[in-house]
Amino acid sequence: MRLLLALILQITLIGWVPAAIWSVYALSQYKTDEKIQAALAGRNRG
């Protein structure tokens, strides 16, 4: 039982690293998409 709990805790802690990296990447992509949409909307008005 203790081994299973230790394994689950290790997997959870190790999973934080790729999740944090992915969240930063996803946020940067979202902001880039917003900038592109704003630039295209400004170009269409002019």
Protein backbone atom coordinates (compact mmCIF):
# COMPACT_ATOMS: atom_id res chain seq x y z
CA MET A 1 0.00 0.00 0.00
CA ARG A 2 2.80 2.43 0.88
CA LEU A 3 4.61 1.58 -2.35
CA LEU A 4 1.50 2.36 -4.38
CA LEU A 5 1.02 5.66 -2.58
CA ALA A 6 4.68 6.59 -3.11
CA LEU A 7 4.40 5.71 -6.81
CA ILE A 8 1.27 7.83 -7.25
CA LEU A 9 2.92 10.78 -5.48
CA GLN A 10 6.03 10.50 -7.65
CA ILE A 11 3.99 10.38 -10.86
CA THR A 12 1.97 13.39 -9.71
CA LEU A 13 5.05 15.43 -8.83
CA ILE A 14 6.85 14.51 -12.06
CA GLY A 15 3.73 15.41 -14.05
CA TRP A 16 3.88 19.02 -12.87
CA VAL A 17 6.93 19.80 -15.00
CA PRO A 18 5.49 18.98 -18.45
CA ALA A 19 2.13 20.45 -17.45
CA ALA A 20 3.75 23.75 -16.49
CA ILE A 21 5.76 23.85 -19.72
CA TRP A 22 2.67 23.07 -21.79
CA SER A 23 0.62 25.75 -20.04
CA VAL A 24 3.23 28.44 -20.77
CA TYR A 25 3.37 27.31 -24.40
CA ALA A 26 -0.43 27.28 -24.74
CA LEU A 27 -0.73 30.75 -23.21
CA SER A 28 1.89 32.17 -25.56
CA GLN A 29 0.10 30.64 -28.55
CA TYR A 30 -3.19 32.16 -27.39
CA LYS A 31 -1.65 35.61 -27.04
CA THR A 32 -0.04 35.26 -30.48
CA ASP A 33 -3.39 34.34 -32.01
CA GLU A 34 -5.00 37.40 -30.37
CA LYS A 35 -2.29 39.67 -31.81
CA ILE A 36 -2.77 38.20 -35.29
CA GLN A 37 -6.54 38.69 -35.11
CA ALA A 38 -6.10 42.29 -33.94
CA ALA A 39 -3.63 43.00 -36.75
CA LEU A 40 -5.94 41.50 -39.36
CA ALA A 41 -8.93 43.42 -38.03
CA GLY A 42 -6.94 46.67 -38.16
CA ARG A 43 -5.80 45.94 -41.68
CA ASN A 44 -9.35 45.28 -42.88
CA ARG A 45 -10.60 48.60 -41.47
CA GLY A 46 -7.93 50.68 -43.18
